[in-house]
């Protein structure tokens, strides 16, 4: 089984279009993985059926038991992210602002605050309009750990490819050089780089190639 990752240093270069073209050429011989989880759009081209959906949990989120809360405000005072506003004399957690550090839980004198696992997105396993399997995902608004979600997508794709004895995994990676890109490179056999004829396109292509070179993966 070979794994080919398609990357670009910046968005809007045609990376997903190229990957979709390869997916059509490969047909049923390939499993497709859309690892651009922050702005997934492979489904627009391959028209998947969203046959299976799994919730993805990563990190933690604070929660306040209002029956135990004494309204002392200590949690709001220590929160560096201003994630515990007070409305009508009731402290609440702002899910978009909470970073899951757990400091509020430590300082709460009545133990009204507890940390719980945070839902960060969804993973989908679909059959596409051309008859191959697409593993894709969507990161929730304001959620973090997209690198871990990419790892989950790739893990599902590898498992399906192994079970179905497919020859190829095609990965549509994220633009840039951040954690999602590094995660998409794990286990890759070859990287295809897509760029555009602009100064910014060339600049970002050089940056992403430097990352690939660190992993000693062949690329072109």
N, C-alpha and C. Protein backbone atom coordinates (compact mmCIF):
# COMPACT_ATOMS: atom_id res chain seq x y z
N UNK A 1 0.85 -1.20 0.00
CA UNK A 1 0.00 0.00 0.00
C UNK A 1 0.89 1.25 0.00
N UNK A 2 0.61 2.16 -0.92
CA UNK A 2 1.34 3.42 -0.99
C UNK A 2 0.44 4.57 -0.59
N UNK A 3 1.05 5.57 0.05
CA UNK A 3 0.30 6.74 0.50
C UNK A 3 0.89 7.99 -0.14
N UNK A 4 0.08 8.68 -0.92
CA UNK A 4 0.50 9.91 -1.58
C UNK A 4 -0.26 11.08 -0.97
N UNK A 5 0.48 12.10 -0.53
CA UNK A 5 -0.10 13.29 0.08
C UNK A 5 0.05 14.46 -0.88
N UNK A 6 -1.03 15.19 -1.07
CA UNK A 6 -0.99 16.38 -1.94
C UNK A 6 -1.04 17.61 -1.04
N UNK A 7 -0.02 18.47 -1.16
CA UNK A 7 0.10 19.64 -0.29
C UNK A 7 0.33 20.91 -1.11
N UNK A 8 0.05 22.04 -0.47
CA UNK A 8 0.41 23.34 -1.04
C UNK A 8 0.81 24.25 0.10
N UNK A 9 1.70 25.17 -0.17
CA UNK A 9 2.14 26.07 0.88
C UNK A 9 1.06 27.05 1.31
N UNK A 10 0.14 27.36 0.40
CA UNK A 10 -0.93 28.30 0.68
C UNK A 10 -2.24 27.77 0.11
N UNK A 11 -3.34 28.34 0.55
CA UNK A 11 -4.64 27.92 0.05
C UNK A 11 -4.94 28.51 -1.32
N UNK A 12 -5.86 27.89 -2.02
CA UNK A 12 -6.32 28.42 -3.30
C UNK A 12 -5.44 28.13 -4.49
N UNK A 13 -4.53 27.16 -4.37
CA UNK A 13 -3.63 26.85 -5.49
C UNK A 13 -4.19 25.78 -6.42
N UNK A 14 -5.27 25.11 -6.01
CA UNK A 14 -5.82 24.01 -6.81
C UNK A 14 -5.47 22.64 -6.26
N UNK A 15 -5.01 22.59 -5.02
CA UNK A 15 -4.59 21.32 -4.39
C UNK A 15 -5.72 20.30 -4.36
N UNK A 16 -6.89 20.72 -3.93
CA UNK A 16 -8.02 19.79 -3.82
C UNK A 16 -8.50 19.35 -5.19
N UNK A 17 -8.47 20.25 -6.16
CA UNK A 17 -8.87 19.89 -7.53
C UNK A 17 -7.95 18.82 -8.11
N UNK A 18 -6.65 18.97 -7.86
CA UNK A 18 -5.67 17.99 -8.33
C UNK A 18 -5.91 16.64 -7.65
N UNK A 19 -6.13 16.66 -6.33
CA UNK A 19 -6.37 15.42 -5.59
C UNK A 19 -7.63 14.74 -6.10
N UNK A 20 -8.68 15.50 -6.36
CA UNK A 20 -9.93 14.92 -6.87
C UNK A 20 -9.72 14.30 -8.25
N UNK A 21 -8.90 14.95 -9.08
CA UNK A 21 -8.59 14.39 -10.40
C UNK A 21 -7.88 13.05 -10.26
N UNK A 22 -6.91 12.98 -9.35
CA UNK A 22 -6.22 11.72 -9.09
C UNK A 22 -7.20 10.66 -8.57
N UNK A 23 -8.13 11.09 -7.72
CA UNK A 23 -9.11 10.16 -7.15
C UNK A 23 -9.97 9.54 -8.25
N UNK A 24 -10.35 10.36 -9.24
CA UNK A 24 -11.15 9.86 -10.35
C UNK A 24 -10.34 8.90 -11.20
N UNK A 25 -9.07 9.23 -11.44
CA UNK A 25 -8.21 8.35 -12.23
C UNK A 25 -7.96 7.02 -11.51
N UNK A 26 -7.78 7.08 -10.20
CA UNK A 26 -7.49 5.86 -9.43
C UNK A 26 -8.73 4.99 -9.27
N UNK A 27 -9.90 5.63 -9.22
CA UNK A 27 -11.14 4.86 -9.10
C UNK A 27 -11.18 4.03 -7.83
N UNK A 28 -11.63 2.80 -7.97
CA UNK A 28 -11.83 1.91 -6.82
C UNK A 28 -10.52 1.36 -6.26
N UNK A 29 -9.39 1.67 -6.90
CA UNK A 29 -8.10 1.19 -6.40
C UNK A 29 -7.60 2.02 -5.21
N UNK A 30 -8.23 3.16 -4.94
CA UNK A 30 -7.72 4.07 -3.91
C UNK A 30 -8.77 4.37 -2.86
N UNK A 31 -8.29 4.64 -1.65
CA UNK A 31 -9.09 5.23 -0.59
C UNK A 31 -8.67 6.69 -0.48
N UNK A 32 -9.62 7.60 -0.41
CA UNK A 32 -9.33 9.03 -0.40
C UNK A 32 -9.50 9.56 1.02
N UNK A 33 -8.56 10.40 1.46
CA UNK A 33 -8.64 11.01 2.79
C UNK A 33 -8.53 12.52 2.65
N UNK A 34 -9.60 13.22 3.04
CA UNK A 34 -9.57 14.69 3.03
C UNK A 34 -9.10 15.15 4.40
N UNK A 35 -7.82 15.52 4.49
CA UNK A 35 -7.24 15.92 5.77
C UNK A 35 -7.17 17.43 5.94
N UNK A 36 -7.83 18.16 5.06
CA UNK A 36 -7.95 19.61 5.24
C UNK A 36 -9.18 19.86 6.11
N UNK A 37 -9.10 19.45 7.38
CA UNK A 37 -10.27 19.40 8.25
C UNK A 37 -10.75 20.79 8.68
N UNK A 38 -9.87 21.79 8.62
CA UNK A 38 -10.27 23.15 8.99
C UNK A 38 -11.18 23.78 7.95
N UNK A 39 -11.01 23.37 6.70
CA UNK A 39 -11.83 23.93 5.61
C UNK A 39 -12.04 22.85 4.55
N UNK A 40 -12.67 21.75 4.97
CA UNK A 40 -12.84 20.60 4.07
C UNK A 40 -13.75 20.96 2.89
N UNK A 41 -13.33 20.59 1.67
CA UNK A 41 -14.17 20.87 0.51
C UNK A 41 -14.10 19.79 -0.57
N UNK A 42 -13.43 18.67 -0.27
CA UNK A 42 -13.37 17.57 -1.23
C UNK A 42 -14.77 17.04 -1.55
N UNK A 43 -15.67 17.12 -0.57
CA UNK A 43 -17.03 16.61 -0.77
C UNK A 43 -17.77 17.38 -1.87
N UNK A 44 -17.37 18.61 -2.14
CA UNK A 44 -18.02 19.38 -3.19
C UNK A 44 -17.76 18.78 -4.57
N UNK A 45 -16.63 18.10 -4.72
CA UNK A 45 -16.24 17.52 -6.01
C UNK A 45 -16.62 16.05 -6.12
N UNK A 46 -16.47 15.29 -5.04
CA UNK A 46 -16.69 13.84 -5.11
C UNK A 46 -18.10 13.42 -4.70
N UNK A 47 -18.91 14.34 -4.17
CA UNK A 47 -20.31 14.08 -3.83
C UNK A 47 -20.48 12.82 -2.98
N UNK A 48 -19.89 12.78 -1.78
CA UNK A 48 -20.02 11.60 -0.92
C UNK A 48 -21.42 11.46 -0.34
N UNK A 49 -21.75 10.25 0.14
CA UNK A 49 -23.09 10.02 0.69
C UNK A 49 -23.17 10.21 2.20
N UNK A 50 -22.04 10.54 2.86
CA UNK A 50 -22.00 10.73 4.31
C UNK A 50 -22.64 9.52 5.02
N UNK A 51 -22.22 8.33 4.57
CA UNK A 51 -22.84 7.10 5.05
C UNK A 51 -22.67 6.85 6.53
N UNK A 52 -21.48 7.11 7.08
CA UNK A 52 -21.24 6.89 8.51
C UNK A 52 -20.68 8.16 9.13
N UNK A 53 -21.13 8.49 10.34
CA UNK A 53 -20.68 9.67 11.05
C UNK A 53 -20.24 9.30 12.46
N UNK A 54 -19.06 9.79 12.87
CA UNK A 54 -18.55 9.57 14.21
C UNK A 54 -18.20 10.92 14.83
N UNK A 55 -18.56 11.11 16.09
CA UNK A 55 -18.15 12.31 16.79
C UNK A 55 -16.69 12.19 17.22
N UNK A 56 -15.96 13.31 17.12
CA UNK A 56 -14.54 13.33 17.50
C UNK A 56 -14.38 14.19 18.75
N UNK A 57 -13.76 13.60 19.78
CA UNK A 57 -13.56 14.30 21.04
C UNK A 57 -12.06 14.50 21.28
N UNK A 58 -11.70 15.72 21.69
CA UNK A 58 -10.29 16.01 21.97
C UNK A 58 -10.22 17.24 22.88
N UNK A 59 -9.38 17.19 23.88
CA UNK A 59 -9.27 18.30 24.80
C UNK A 59 -10.39 18.28 25.82
N UNK A 60 -10.43 19.31 26.65
CA UNK A 60 -11.44 19.38 27.71
C UNK A 60 -12.13 20.75 27.70
N UNK A 61 -13.30 20.76 28.31
CA UNK A 61 -14.11 21.98 28.41
C UNK A 61 -14.68 22.05 29.83
N UNK A 62 -14.68 23.24 30.40
CA UNK A 62 -15.21 23.40 31.75
C UNK A 62 -16.73 23.47 31.73
N UNK A 63 -17.34 23.05 32.83
CA UNK A 63 -18.78 23.14 33.00
C UNK A 63 -19.11 23.53 34.43
N UNK A 64 -20.14 24.35 34.64
CA UNK A 64 -20.50 24.82 35.98
C UNK A 64 -21.84 24.22 36.40
N UNK A 65 -21.84 23.58 37.55
CA UNK A 65 -23.08 23.10 38.16
C UNK A 65 -23.69 24.26 38.94
N UNK A 66 -24.76 24.83 38.40
CA UNK A 66 -25.34 26.02 39.00
C UNK A 66 -25.91 25.76 40.40
N UNK A 67 -26.28 24.52 40.69
CA UNK A 67 -26.80 24.20 42.02
C UNK A 67 -25.71 24.27 43.09
N UNK A 68 -24.45 24.08 42.68
CA UNK A 68 -23.34 24.13 43.63
C UNK A 68 -22.63 25.48 43.64
N UNK A 69 -22.82 26.26 42.59
CA UNK A 69 -22.10 27.53 42.46
C UNK A 69 -22.57 28.54 43.51
N UNK A 70 -21.58 29.17 44.20
CA UNK A 70 -21.89 30.17 45.24
C UNK A 70 -21.84 31.60 44.71
N UNK A 71 -21.57 31.77 43.40
CA UNK A 71 -21.47 33.09 42.75
C UNK A 71 -20.35 33.94 43.33
N UNK A 72 -19.28 33.30 43.78
CA UNK A 72 -18.17 34.05 44.38
C UNK A 72 -17.35 34.79 43.32
N UNK A 73 -17.32 34.28 42.10
CA UNK A 73 -16.61 34.94 41.01
C UNK A 73 -15.13 34.67 40.93
N UNK A 74 -14.61 33.78 41.78
CA UNK A 74 -13.16 33.49 41.75
C UNK A 74 -12.76 32.91 40.40
N UNK A 75 -13.59 32.04 39.86
CA UNK A 75 -13.25 31.41 38.57
C UNK A 75 -13.09 32.45 37.47
N UNK A 76 -14.00 33.43 37.44
CA UNK A 76 -13.93 34.48 36.42
C UNK A 76 -12.69 35.35 36.61
N UNK A 77 -12.29 35.57 37.85
CA UNK A 77 -11.11 36.41 38.14
C UNK A 77 -9.82 35.76 37.65
N UNK A 78 -9.72 34.42 37.78
CA UNK A 78 -8.46 33.75 37.42
C UNK A 78 -8.41 33.33 35.95
N UNK A 79 -9.55 33.36 35.26
CA UNK A 79 -9.56 32.90 33.87
C UNK A 79 -8.88 33.93 32.96
N UNK A 80 -7.75 33.56 32.40
CA UNK A 80 -6.99 34.46 31.53
C UNK A 80 -7.65 34.63 30.17
N UNK A 81 -8.60 33.77 29.85
CA UNK A 81 -9.21 33.81 28.52
C UNK A 81 -10.58 34.47 28.53
N UNK A 82 -10.96 35.01 29.70
CA UNK A 82 -12.25 35.71 29.84
C UNK A 82 -13.40 34.82 29.35
N UNK A 83 -13.33 33.55 29.74
CA UNK A 83 -14.30 32.57 29.25
C UNK A 83 -15.44 32.32 30.23
N UNK A 84 -15.50 33.10 31.34
CA UNK A 84 -16.55 32.87 32.34
C UNK A 84 -17.29 34.18 32.61
N UNK A 85 -18.13 34.60 31.70
CA UNK A 85 -18.89 35.84 31.92
C UNK A 85 -20.02 35.62 32.94
N UNK A 86 -20.52 36.70 33.47
CA UNK A 86 -21.62 36.65 34.44
C UNK A 86 -22.85 37.33 33.85
N UNK A 87 -23.94 36.59 33.78
CA UNK A 87 -25.20 37.12 33.30
C UNK A 87 -26.27 36.91 34.36
N UNK A 88 -26.92 38.01 34.76
CA UNK A 88 -27.98 37.93 35.77
C UNK A 88 -27.51 37.19 37.04
N UNK A 89 -26.29 37.59 37.47
CA UNK A 89 -25.70 37.00 38.67
C UNK A 89 -25.49 35.49 38.56
N UNK A 90 -25.23 35.02 37.34
CA UNK A 90 -24.95 33.60 37.13
C UNK A 90 -23.75 33.45 36.21
N UNK A 91 -22.72 32.76 36.69
CA UNK A 91 -21.50 32.55 35.90
C UNK A 91 -21.69 31.37 34.95
N UNK A 92 -21.29 31.59 33.70
CA UNK A 92 -21.44 30.56 32.67
C UNK A 92 -20.13 30.43 31.89
N UNK A 93 -19.93 29.27 31.29
CA UNK A 93 -18.74 29.02 30.48
C UNK A 93 -19.03 29.36 29.02
N UNK A 94 -18.17 30.19 28.43
CA UNK A 94 -18.24 30.46 27.00
C UNK A 94 -17.42 29.40 26.27
N UNK A 95 -18.10 28.49 25.58
CA UNK A 95 -17.41 27.36 24.94
C UNK A 95 -16.38 27.81 23.91
N UNK A 96 -16.66 28.92 23.22
CA UNK A 96 -15.72 29.39 22.20
C UNK A 96 -14.44 29.95 22.82
N UNK A 97 -14.53 30.47 24.04
CA UNK A 97 -13.37 31.10 24.68
C UNK A 97 -12.61 30.16 25.60
N UNK A 98 -13.27 29.13 26.12
CA UNK A 98 -12.62 28.22 27.08
C UNK A 98 -11.50 27.43 26.40
N UNK A 99 -10.31 27.45 27.01
CA UNK A 99 -9.16 26.74 26.49
C UNK A 99 -8.94 25.39 27.18
N UNK A 100 -9.80 25.07 28.14
CA UNK A 100 -9.70 23.76 28.79
C UNK A 100 -8.50 23.58 29.70
N UNK A 101 -7.97 24.70 30.25
CA UNK A 101 -6.77 24.59 31.09
C UNK A 101 -7.07 23.98 32.46
N UNK A 102 -8.32 24.12 32.93
CA UNK A 102 -8.70 23.51 34.20
C UNK A 102 -8.39 24.31 35.44
N UNK A 103 -7.89 25.54 35.28
CA UNK A 103 -7.53 26.35 36.45
C UNK A 103 -8.77 26.71 37.28
N UNK A 104 -9.88 27.00 36.58
CA UNK A 104 -11.11 27.36 37.29
C UNK A 104 -11.59 26.22 38.19
N UNK A 105 -11.41 24.99 37.71
CA UNK A 105 -11.82 23.83 38.51
C UNK A 105 -10.98 23.74 39.79
N UNK A 106 -9.70 24.08 39.67
CA UNK A 106 -8.80 23.97 40.82
C UNK A 106 -9.14 24.98 41.92
N UNK A 107 -9.59 26.18 41.52
CA UNK A 107 -9.79 27.24 42.52
C UNK A 107 -11.22 27.33 43.03
N UNK A 108 -12.15 26.61 42.45
CA UNK A 108 -13.55 26.72 42.86
C UNK A 108 -13.73 26.17 44.28
N UNK A 109 -14.16 26.99 45.22
CA UNK A 109 -14.27 26.54 46.62
C UNK A 109 -15.42 25.58 46.87
N UNK A 110 -16.42 25.57 46.00
CA UNK A 110 -17.57 24.67 46.21
C UNK A 110 -17.56 23.47 45.26
N UNK A 111 -16.47 23.33 44.48
CA UNK A 111 -16.33 22.21 43.53
C UNK A 111 -17.50 22.17 42.54
N UNK A 112 -17.94 23.36 42.15
CA UNK A 112 -19.05 23.45 41.20
C UNK A 112 -18.59 23.27 39.76
N UNK A 113 -17.28 23.39 39.51
CA UNK A 113 -16.76 23.31 38.15
C UNK A 113 -16.06 21.98 37.93
N UNK A 114 -16.41 21.32 36.86
CA UNK A 114 -15.76 20.07 36.46
C UNK A 114 -15.36 20.15 35.00
N UNK A 115 -14.32 19.43 34.66
CA UNK A 115 -13.85 19.37 33.29
C UNK A 115 -14.41 18.12 32.62
N UNK A 116 -14.84 18.27 31.37
CA UNK A 116 -15.34 17.11 30.64
C UNK A 116 -14.77 17.12 29.22
N UNK A 117 -14.79 15.96 28.60
CA UNK A 117 -14.22 15.82 27.26
C UNK A 117 -14.97 16.71 26.27
N UNK A 118 -14.20 17.31 25.39
CA UNK A 118 -14.77 18.29 24.45
C UNK A 118 -15.00 17.68 23.08
N UNK A 119 -16.22 17.84 22.55
CA UNK A 119 -16.48 17.44 21.17
C UNK A 119 -15.86 18.47 20.24
N UNK A 120 -14.96 18.02 19.37
CA UNK A 120 -14.22 18.93 18.51
C UNK A 120 -14.60 18.85 17.04
N UNK A 121 -15.38 17.85 16.67
CA UNK A 121 -15.76 17.73 15.27
C UNK A 121 -16.42 16.41 14.96
N UNK A 122 -16.55 16.14 13.67
CA UNK A 122 -17.15 14.89 13.19
C UNK A 122 -16.26 14.25 12.13
N UNK A 123 -16.26 12.94 12.11
CA UNK A 123 -15.55 12.17 11.08
C UNK A 123 -16.59 11.43 10.25
N UNK A 124 -16.41 11.44 8.92
CA UNK A 124 -17.36 10.79 8.03
C UNK A 124 -16.65 9.74 7.17
N UNK A 125 -17.31 8.64 6.96
CA UNK A 125 -16.85 7.61 6.02
C UNK A 125 -17.92 7.47 4.95
N UNK A 126 -17.57 7.77 3.71
CA UNK A 126 -18.57 7.88 2.64
C UNK A 126 -18.15 7.10 1.41
N UNK A 127 -19.14 6.78 0.61
CA UNK A 127 -18.90 6.29 -0.74
C UNK A 127 -19.13 7.48 -1.68
N UNK A 128 -18.24 7.66 -2.65
CA UNK A 128 -18.32 8.81 -3.53
C UNK A 128 -19.08 8.49 -4.82
N UNK A 129 -19.31 9.51 -5.61
CA UNK A 129 -20.05 9.34 -6.87
C UNK A 129 -19.27 8.49 -7.88
N UNK A 130 -17.95 8.31 -7.64
CA UNK A 130 -17.16 7.50 -8.58
C UNK A 130 -16.86 6.11 -8.02
N UNK A 131 -17.44 5.80 -6.86
CA UNK A 131 -17.36 4.44 -6.36
C UNK A 131 -16.22 4.12 -5.42
N UNK A 132 -15.41 5.12 -5.02
CA UNK A 132 -14.38 4.83 -4.03
C UNK A 132 -14.79 5.37 -2.66
N UNK A 133 -14.00 5.05 -1.64
CA UNK A 133 -14.31 5.45 -0.28
C UNK A 133 -13.58 6.74 0.07
N UNK A 134 -14.31 7.67 0.66
CA UNK A 134 -13.74 8.93 1.11
C UNK A 134 -13.88 9.02 2.63
N UNK A 135 -12.76 9.25 3.31
CA UNK A 135 -12.77 9.53 4.74
C UNK A 135 -12.54 11.03 4.88
N UNK A 136 -13.47 11.72 5.53
CA UNK A 136 -13.35 13.17 5.65
C UNK A 136 -13.88 13.61 7.00
N UNK A 137 -13.67 14.86 7.33
CA UNK A 137 -14.03 15.34 8.67
C UNK A 137 -14.32 16.82 8.62
N UNK A 138 -14.93 17.30 9.70
CA UNK A 138 -15.21 18.72 9.85
C UNK A 138 -14.91 19.13 11.28
N UNK A 139 -14.01 20.08 11.44
CA UNK A 139 -13.68 20.59 12.76
C UNK A 139 -14.77 21.56 13.19
N UNK A 140 -15.22 21.45 14.44
CA UNK A 140 -16.26 22.36 14.94
C UNK A 140 -15.73 23.79 15.00
N UNK A 141 -16.64 24.76 14.94
CA UNK A 141 -16.28 26.17 15.01
C UNK A 141 -15.60 26.46 16.36
N UNK A 142 -14.42 27.06 16.30
CA UNK A 142 -13.69 27.41 17.51
C UNK A 142 -12.95 26.27 18.15
N UNK A 143 -13.03 25.07 17.58
CA UNK A 143 -12.36 23.90 18.18
C UNK A 143 -10.89 23.88 17.80
N UNK A 144 -10.11 23.19 18.62
CA UNK A 144 -8.67 23.06 18.38
C UNK A 144 -8.32 21.60 18.07
N UNK A 145 -7.02 21.32 18.09
CA UNK A 145 -6.50 19.96 17.89
C UNK A 145 -6.83 19.40 16.51
N UNK A 146 -6.74 20.25 15.47
CA UNK A 146 -7.00 19.76 14.12
C UNK A 146 -5.96 18.74 13.69
N UNK A 147 -4.75 18.81 14.26
CA UNK A 147 -3.73 17.80 13.95
C UNK A 147 -4.16 16.41 14.40
N UNK A 148 -4.83 16.34 15.58
CA UNK A 148 -5.33 15.06 16.07
C UNK A 148 -6.49 14.55 15.21
N UNK A 149 -7.31 15.46 14.73
CA UNK A 149 -8.41 15.06 13.85
C UNK A 149 -7.87 14.53 12.53
N UNK A 150 -6.82 15.15 12.01
CA UNK A 150 -6.16 14.65 10.80
C UNK A 150 -5.65 13.24 11.03
N UNK A 151 -5.02 13.00 12.19
CA UNK A 151 -4.51 11.67 12.51
C UNK A 151 -5.64 10.65 12.55
N UNK A 152 -6.81 11.04 13.06
CA UNK A 152 -7.95 10.13 13.10
C UNK A 152 -8.44 9.80 11.69
N UNK A 153 -8.50 10.82 10.82
CA UNK A 153 -8.92 10.59 9.44
C UNK A 153 -7.97 9.63 8.74
N UNK A 154 -6.67 9.85 8.92
CA UNK A 154 -5.69 8.98 8.27
C UNK A 154 -5.76 7.56 8.82
N UNK A 155 -5.96 7.43 10.12
CA UNK A 155 -6.06 6.11 10.73
C UNK A 155 -7.24 5.33 10.16
N UNK A 156 -8.39 6.00 10.02
CA UNK A 156 -9.57 5.35 9.45
C UNK A 156 -9.31 4.95 7.99
N UNK A 157 -8.66 5.84 7.23
CA UNK A 157 -8.38 5.55 5.82
C UNK A 157 -7.44 4.35 5.67
N UNK A 158 -6.42 4.29 6.53
CA UNK A 158 -5.48 3.17 6.47
C UNK A 158 -6.16 1.86 6.82
N UNK A 159 -7.03 1.91 7.83
CA UNK A 159 -7.74 0.70 8.24
C UNK A 159 -8.64 0.18 7.12
N UNK A 160 -9.36 1.09 6.45
CA UNK A 160 -10.24 0.71 5.34
C UNK A 160 -9.42 0.16 4.18
N UNK A 161 -8.31 0.82 3.86
CA UNK A 161 -7.46 0.37 2.75
C UNK A 161 -6.90 -1.02 3.02
N UNK A 162 -6.50 -1.27 4.27
CA UNK A 162 -5.96 -2.59 4.62
C UNK A 162 -7.03 -3.67 4.54
N UNK A 163 -8.22 -3.37 5.05
CA UNK A 163 -9.31 -4.35 5.04
C UNK A 163 -9.79 -4.67 3.64
N UNK A 164 -9.81 -3.65 2.78
CA UNK A 164 -10.29 -3.84 1.41
C UNK A 164 -9.17 -4.16 0.43
N UNK A 165 -7.93 -4.24 0.97
CA UNK A 165 -6.75 -4.56 0.15
C UNK A 165 -6.59 -3.58 -1.02
N UNK A 166 -6.70 -2.29 -0.72
CA UNK A 166 -6.51 -1.26 -1.73
C UNK A 166 -5.02 -0.94 -1.89
N UNK A 167 -4.65 -0.53 -3.09
CA UNK A 167 -3.25 -0.30 -3.40
C UNK A 167 -2.76 1.08 -3.02
N UNK A 168 -3.69 2.02 -2.82
CA UNK A 168 -3.30 3.41 -2.72
C UNK A 168 -4.19 4.18 -1.75
N UNK A 169 -3.55 5.09 -1.00
CA UNK A 169 -4.28 6.08 -0.21
C UNK A 169 -3.90 7.45 -0.73
N UNK A 170 -4.89 8.24 -1.14
CA UNK A 170 -4.66 9.61 -1.61
C UNK A 170 -5.10 10.57 -0.52
N UNK A 171 -4.20 11.43 -0.10
CA UNK A 171 -4.48 12.35 1.01
C UNK A 171 -4.46 13.78 0.50
N UNK A 172 -5.56 14.47 0.72
CA UNK A 172 -5.61 15.91 0.45
C UNK A 172 -5.27 16.63 1.75
N UNK A 173 -4.06 17.20 1.82
CA UNK A 173 -3.59 17.82 3.06
C UNK A 173 -4.05 19.26 3.20
N UNK A 174 -3.71 19.84 4.34
CA UNK A 174 -4.04 21.25 4.60
C UNK A 174 -2.99 22.15 3.97
N UNK A 175 -3.34 23.40 3.66
CA UNK A 175 -2.32 24.36 3.22
C UNK A 175 -1.48 24.81 4.42
N UNK A 176 -0.33 25.38 4.13
CA UNK A 176 0.52 25.90 5.20
C UNK A 176 1.55 24.88 5.67
N UNK A 177 2.06 25.11 6.91
CA UNK A 177 3.10 24.24 7.46
C UNK A 177 2.80 23.87 8.92
N UNK A 178 1.55 24.03 9.35
CA UNK A 178 1.20 23.82 10.75
C UNK A 178 0.99 22.36 11.12
N UNK A 179 0.41 22.14 12.30
CA UNK A 179 0.20 20.80 12.85
C UNK A 179 -0.59 19.88 11.92
N UNK A 180 -1.67 20.36 11.26
CA UNK A 180 -2.39 19.46 10.35
C UNK A 180 -1.51 18.94 9.21
N UNK A 181 -0.61 19.78 8.71
CA UNK A 181 0.29 19.36 7.63
C UNK A 181 1.27 18.31 8.14
N UNK A 182 1.86 18.56 9.29
CA UNK A 182 2.80 17.59 9.88
C UNK A 182 2.09 16.26 10.13
N UNK A 183 0.87 16.31 10.62
CA UNK A 183 0.11 15.09 10.88
C UNK A 183 -0.19 14.34 9.58
N UNK A 184 -0.50 15.07 8.53
CA UNK A 184 -0.82 14.42 7.25
C UNK A 184 0.40 13.77 6.62
N UNK A 185 1.60 14.22 6.99
CA UNK A 185 2.83 13.67 6.41
C UNK A 185 3.25 12.34 7.04
N UNK A 186 2.73 12.04 8.23
CA UNK A 186 3.15 10.82 8.93
C UNK A 186 2.81 9.59 8.09
N UNK A 187 3.84 8.81 7.77
CA UNK A 187 3.64 7.56 7.03
C UNK A 187 3.54 7.71 5.53
N UNK A 188 3.71 8.93 5.00
CA UNK A 188 3.58 9.16 3.56
C UNK A 188 4.76 8.57 2.79
N UNK A 189 4.49 8.08 1.58
CA UNK A 189 5.54 7.58 0.70
C UNK A 189 6.01 8.64 -0.30
N UNK A 190 5.11 9.55 -0.64
CA UNK A 190 5.46 10.58 -1.62
C UNK A 190 4.54 11.78 -1.43
N UNK A 191 5.07 12.97 -1.70
CA UNK A 191 4.28 14.20 -1.59
C UNK A 191 4.26 14.91 -2.94
N UNK A 192 3.06 15.26 -3.38
CA UNK A 192 2.89 16.07 -4.58
C UNK A 192 2.62 17.50 -4.14
N UNK A 193 3.40 18.43 -4.64
CA UNK A 193 3.28 19.83 -4.27
C UNK A 193 2.58 20.60 -5.38
N UNK A 194 1.56 21.37 -4.98
CA UNK A 194 0.80 22.17 -5.94
C UNK A 194 1.01 23.63 -5.59
N UNK A 195 1.37 24.43 -6.58
CA UNK A 195 1.61 25.85 -6.33
C UNK A 195 0.96 26.67 -7.44
N UNK A 196 1.15 27.97 -7.37
CA UNK A 196 0.60 28.89 -8.37
C UNK A 196 1.71 29.86 -8.77
N UNK A 197 1.62 30.48 -9.95
CA UNK A 197 2.68 31.37 -10.42
C UNK A 197 2.60 32.76 -9.82
N UNK A 198 2.77 32.82 -8.49
CA UNK A 198 2.81 34.12 -7.80
C UNK A 198 3.98 34.11 -6.83
N UNK A 199 4.40 35.28 -6.38
CA UNK A 199 5.49 35.37 -5.41
C UNK A 199 5.10 34.71 -4.09
N UNK A 200 3.85 34.93 -3.65
CA UNK A 200 3.43 34.32 -2.40
C UNK A 200 3.33 32.80 -2.54
N UNK A 201 2.86 32.34 -3.70
CA UNK A 201 2.79 30.90 -3.94
C UNK A 201 4.16 30.25 -3.89
N UNK A 202 5.16 30.88 -4.52
CA UNK A 202 6.52 30.34 -4.52
C UNK A 202 7.12 30.39 -3.12
N UNK A 203 6.91 31.49 -2.43
CA UNK A 203 7.44 31.65 -1.06
C UNK A 203 6.93 30.54 -0.15
N UNK A 204 5.61 30.29 -0.20
CA UNK A 204 5.03 29.29 0.69
C UNK A 204 5.35 27.87 0.23
N UNK A 205 5.58 27.68 -1.06
CA UNK A 205 6.02 26.38 -1.56
C UNK A 205 7.38 26.01 -0.99
N UNK A 206 8.28 26.98 -0.94
CA UNK A 206 9.62 26.74 -0.38
C UNK A 206 9.52 26.37 1.09
N UNK A 207 8.63 27.03 1.82
CA UNK A 207 8.46 26.74 3.25
C UNK A 207 7.96 25.32 3.48
N UNK A 208 6.94 24.92 2.72
CA UNK A 208 6.38 23.58 2.94
C UNK A 208 7.36 22.50 2.48
N UNK A 209 8.15 22.80 1.44
CA UNK A 209 9.15 21.82 1.01
C UNK A 209 10.22 21.62 2.09
N UNK A 210 10.57 22.69 2.80
CA UNK A 210 11.55 22.57 3.88
C UNK A 210 11.03 21.63 4.98
N UNK A 211 9.73 21.69 5.25
CA UNK A 211 9.13 20.78 6.23
C UNK A 211 9.21 19.34 5.74
N UNK A 212 8.85 19.13 4.49
CA UNK A 212 8.88 17.77 3.91
C UNK A 212 10.29 17.21 3.93
N UNK A 213 11.26 18.08 3.63
CA UNK A 213 12.67 17.65 3.62
C UNK A 213 13.12 17.16 4.99
N UNK A 214 12.60 17.77 6.06
CA UNK A 214 12.94 17.33 7.41
C UNK A 214 12.48 15.88 7.65
N UNK A 215 11.36 15.52 7.03
CA UNK A 215 10.83 14.17 7.17
C UNK A 215 11.49 13.17 6.22
N UNK A 216 12.33 13.68 5.33
CA UNK A 216 13.04 12.86 4.34
C UNK A 216 12.07 12.05 3.48
N UNK A 217 11.01 12.74 3.03
CA UNK A 217 10.02 12.13 2.14
C UNK A 217 10.24 12.66 0.74
N UNK A 218 10.19 11.81 -0.24
CA UNK A 218 10.35 12.24 -1.62
C UNK A 218 9.17 13.11 -2.02
N UNK A 219 9.47 14.14 -2.81
CA UNK A 219 8.40 15.06 -3.21
C UNK A 219 8.69 15.63 -4.61
N UNK A 220 7.64 16.08 -5.26
CA UNK A 220 7.82 16.69 -6.57
C UNK A 220 6.61 17.52 -6.94
